[in-house]
C-alpha atoms as a PDB file:
ATOM      1  CA  MET A   1       3.928  16.384 -22.227  1.00  0.00           C
ATOM      2  CA  SER A   2       2.932  19.932 -21.608  1.00  0.00           C
ATOM      3  CA  THR A   3       4.341  22.747 -19.538  1.00  0.00           C
ATOM      4  CA  THR A   4       2.205  23.110 -16.441  1.00  0.00           C
ATOM      5  CA  THR A   5       2.506  24.379 -12.912  1.00  0.00           C
ATOM      6  CA  THR A   6       4.688  22.139 -10.747  1.00  0.00           C
ATOM      7  CA  THR A   7       5.891  22.219  -7.162  1.00  0.00           C
ATOM      8  CA  ALA A   8       9.147  22.637  -5.240  1.00  0.00           C
ATOM      9  CA  PRO A   9      10.461  20.505  -2.310  1.00  0.00           C
ATOM     10  CA  ALA A  10       7.994  19.769   0.484  1.00  0.00           C
ATOM     11  CA  THR A  11       7.547  21.327   3.917  1.00  0.00           C
ATOM     12  CA  VAL A  12       6.049  19.220   6.747  1.00  0.00           C
ATOM     13  CA  LEU A  13       2.877  20.710   8.251  1.00  0.00           C
ATOM     14  CA  ALA A  14       0.558  20.181  11.116  1.00  0.00           C
ATOM     15  CA  ASN A  15      -3.025  19.381  10.119  1.00  0.00           C
ATOM     16  CA  ILE A  16      -3.454  22.849   8.627  1.00  0.00           C
ATOM     17  CA  GLN A  17      -4.671  23.605   5.136  1.00  0.00           C
ATOM     18  CA  ASP A  18      -5.901  26.882   3.741  1.00  0.00           C
ATOM     19  CA  PRO A  19      -8.512  26.203   1.020  1.00  0.00           C
ATOM     20  CA  ASP A  20      -7.987  29.712  -0.381  1.00  0.00           C
ATOM     21  CA  ASP A  21      -4.209  29.267  -0.707  1.00  0.00           C
ATOM     22  CA  THR A  22      -3.322  29.291  -4.411  1.00  0.00           C
ATOM     23  CA  LYS A  23       0.430  29.544  -3.834  1.00  0.00           C
ATOM     24  CA  ASN A  24       0.855  26.057  -2.322  1.00  0.00           C
ATOM     25  CA  VAL A  25      -0.179  22.475  -3.026  1.00  0.00           C
ATOM     26  CA  TYR A  26      -1.221  20.494   0.068  1.00  0.00           C
ATOM     27  CA  TYR A  27      -0.988  16.699   0.215  1.00  0.00           C
ATOM     28  CA  GLN A  28      -0.359  13.752   2.511  1.00  0.00           C
ATOM     29  CA  SER A  29       2.617  11.424   2.213  1.00  0.00           C
ATOM     30  CA  GLY A  30       3.808   8.800   4.648  1.00  0.00           C
ATOM     31  CA  GLY A  31       1.306   9.892   7.258  1.00  0.00           C
ATOM     32  CA  TYR A  32       2.465  13.523   7.165  1.00  0.00           C
ATOM     33  CA  ARG A  33       0.602  16.584   5.889  1.00  0.00           C
ATOM     34  CA  LEU A  34       2.907  18.379   3.484  1.00  0.00           C
ATOM     35  CA  LEU A  35       2.905  21.381   1.199  1.00  0.00           C
ATOM     36  CA  ARG A  36       4.938  22.483  -1.782  1.00  0.00           C
ATOM     37  CA  PRO A  37       4.967  25.959  -3.274  1.00  0.00           C
ATOM     38  CA  VAL A  38       3.471  26.196  -6.754  1.00  0.00           C
ATOM     39  CA  LEU A  39       6.165  27.104  -9.267  1.00  0.00           C
ATOM     40  CA  ILE A  40       5.349  29.846 -11.760  1.00  0.00           C
ATOM     41  CA  GLY A  41       7.098  31.614 -14.618  1.00  0.00           C
ATOM     42  CA  ALA A  42      10.718  30.586 -15.178  1.00  0.00           C
ATOM     43  CA  GLN A  43      10.499  28.089 -12.274  1.00  0.00           C
ATOM     44  CA  VAL A  44       7.926  25.892 -14.081  1.00  0.00           C
ATOM     45  CA  LYS A  45       9.178  22.468 -15.137  1.00  0.00           C
ATOM     46  CA  ARG A  46       7.860  20.168 -17.849  1.00  0.00           C
ATOM     47  CA  THR A  47       5.415  17.557 -16.606  1.00  0.00           C
ATOM     48  CA  PHE A  48       2.729  15.286 -18.020  1.00  0.00           C
ATOM     49  CA  ASP A  49      -1.000  15.907 -18.522  1.00  0.00           C
ATOM     50  CA  ALA A  50      -2.131  12.688 -16.824  1.00  0.00           C
ATOM     51  CA  ILE A  51      -0.616   9.999 -14.635  1.00  0.00           C
ATOM     52  CA  PRO A  52       0.986   7.481 -16.995  1.00  0.00           C
ATOM     53  CA  THR A  53      -0.341   3.905 -16.914  1.00  0.00           C
ATOM     54  CA  VAL A  54       2.382   1.281 -17.100  1.00  0.00           C
ATOM     55  CA  ASP A  55       1.627  -2.411 -17.722  1.00  0.00           C
ATOM     56  CA  VAL A  56       3.621  -4.219 -15.016  1.00  0.00           C
ATOM     57  CA  SER A  57       2.491  -7.751 -15.851  1.00  0.00           C
ATOM     58  CA  ASN A  58       6.116  -8.643 -16.756  1.00  0.00           C
ATOM     59  CA  ILE A  59       7.688  -7.194 -13.622  1.00  0.00           C
ATOM     60  CA  PHE A  60       8.981 -10.627 -12.582  1.00  0.00           C
ATOM     61  CA  SER A  61      10.405 -11.434 -16.029  1.00  0.00           C
ATOM     62  CA  PRO A  62      13.747 -13.253 -15.978  1.00  0.00           C
ATOM     63  CA  ASP A  63      14.835 -10.880 -18.771  1.00  0.00           C
ATOM     64  CA  LEU A  64      16.507  -7.840 -17.175  1.00  0.00           C
ATOM     65  CA  ASN A  65      15.832  -5.678 -20.253  1.00  0.00           C
ATOM     66  CA  VAL A  66      12.078  -6.314 -19.923  1.00  0.00           C
ATOM     67  CA  ARG A  67      12.150  -5.233 -16.261  1.00  0.00           C
ATOM     68  CA  LYS A  68      14.258  -2.159 -17.092  1.00  0.00           C
ATOM     69  CA  ALA A  69      11.761  -1.128 -19.770  1.00  0.00           C
ATOM     70  CA  ILE A  70       8.981  -1.123 -17.151  1.00  0.00           C
ATOM     71  CA  ALA A  71      11.035   1.064 -14.785  1.00  0.00           C
ATOM     72  CA  ALA A  72      12.176   3.444 -17.531  1.00  0.00           C
ATOM     73  CA  GLU A  73       8.706   4.820 -18.266  1.00  0.00           C
ATOM     74  CA  VAL A  74       8.499   7.498 -15.534  1.00  0.00           C
ATOM     75  CA  GLY A  75       9.185   7.881 -11.815  1.00  0.00           C
ATOM     76  CA  PHE A  76       5.494   7.997 -10.870  1.00  0.00           C
ATOM     77  CA  PHE A  77       2.829   5.912 -12.569  1.00  0.00           C
ATOM     78  CA  TYR A  78      -0.385   3.949 -12.224  1.00  0.00           C
ATOM     79  CA  ALA A  79       0.455   0.233 -12.409  1.00  0.00           C
ATOM     80  CA  SER A  80      -1.930  -1.854 -14.487  1.00  0.00           C
ATOM     81  CA  ASN A  81      -2.104  -5.668 -14.548  1.00  0.00           C
ATOM     82  CA  PRO A  82      -0.014  -6.236 -11.399  1.00  0.00           C
ATOM     83  CA  PRO A  83       0.863  -9.946 -11.132  1.00  0.00           C
ATOM     84  CA  VAL A  84       0.664  -9.910  -7.322  1.00  0.00           C
ATOM     85  CA  PRO A  85      -2.321 -10.883  -5.144  1.00  0.00           C
ATOM     86  CA  PHE A  86      -1.881  -7.866  -2.809  1.00  0.00           C
ATOM     87  CA  PHE A  87      -4.273  -5.731  -4.839  1.00  0.00           C
ATOM     88  CA  ARG A  88      -7.044  -8.340  -4.587  1.00  0.00           C
ATOM     89  CA  LEU A  89      -6.987  -8.619  -0.787  1.00  0.00           C
ATOM     90  CA  PRO A  90     -10.134  -7.707   1.154  1.00  0.00           C
ATOM     91  CA  GLN A  91     -10.147  -4.183   2.624  1.00  0.00           C
ATOM     92  CA  ASP A  92      -9.783  -5.422   6.232  1.00  0.00           C
ATOM     93  CA  GLU A  93      -6.564  -7.283   5.310  1.00  0.00           C
ATOM     94  CA  LEU A  94      -5.225  -4.288   3.397  1.00  0.00           C
ATOM     95  CA  LEU A  95      -5.817  -2.064   6.425  1.00  0.00           C
ATOM     96  CA  GLN A  96      -3.553  -4.356   8.491  1.00  0.00           C
ATOM     97  CA  LEU A  97      -0.795  -3.282   6.060  1.00  0.00           C
ATOM     98  CA  HIS A  98      -1.608   0.434   6.506  1.00  0.00           C
ATOM     99  CA  VAL A  99       1.306   2.850   6.098  1.00  0.00           C
ATOM    100  CA  ASP A 100       0.800   4.072   9.700  1.00  0.00           C
ATOM    101  CA  ASN A 101       1.786   0.575  10.913  1.00  0.00           C
ATOM    102  CA  SER A 102       5.235   0.825   9.293  1.00  0.00           C
ATOM    103  CA  GLN A 103       8.314   2.511  10.715  1.00  0.00           C
ATOM    104  CA  GLY A 104       9.612   2.871   7.169  1.00  0.00           C
ATOM    105  CA  VAL A 105       6.440   4.680   6.047  1.00  0.00           C
ATOM    106  CA  LYS A 106       5.668   1.914   3.569  1.00  0.00           C
ATOM    107  CA  GLY A 107       2.418   0.102   3.108  1.00  0.00           C
ATOM    108  CA  TYR A 108      -1.187   0.488   2.049  1.00  0.00           C
ATOM    109  CA  LEU A 109      -2.849   3.896   1.995  1.00  0.00           C
ATOM    110  CA  PRO A 110      -6.500   3.821   0.935  1.00  0.00           C
ATOM    111  CA  PHE A 111      -7.753   6.397  -1.520  1.00  0.00           C
ATOM    112  CA  THR A 112     -10.245   8.741   0.138  1.00  0.00           C
ATOM    113  CA  PHE A 113     -12.271  11.534  -1.491  1.00  0.00           C
ATOM    114  CA  ARG A 114     -12.492  14.917   0.226  1.00  0.00           C
ATOM    115  CA  ASP A 115     -16.060  14.122   1.309  1.00  0.00           C
ATOM    116  CA  GLY A 116     -14.831  10.952   3.070  1.00  0.00           C
ATOM    117  CA  ARG A 117     -15.919   8.417   0.439  1.00  0.00           C
ATOM    118  CA  ARG A 118     -13.532   5.577  -0.388  1.00  0.00           C
END
């Protein structure tokens, strides 16, 4: 872990983003455009250098301690070896599960590059 710039609680935005704004981080979550102020100086909190990868192949283990060990890694992670077929579905089926189709803001959200590539 290293000490890096982190962000404070989010503010909901319209579809506005200032590319020259260095005081805020803009992102999308649950179909909303959000921003968080960048924390500097004494406000900075410890964070990690990269998104942790957690092997979730034992997520359905009957052993509670095995499942707890998976969840104890970090609050946000990249799951590797998921033992569920969801991640192997064709794109058209995944899009039927899009987050915009859920009242609870849960579902699939495809990764898209800034230039529109997927």
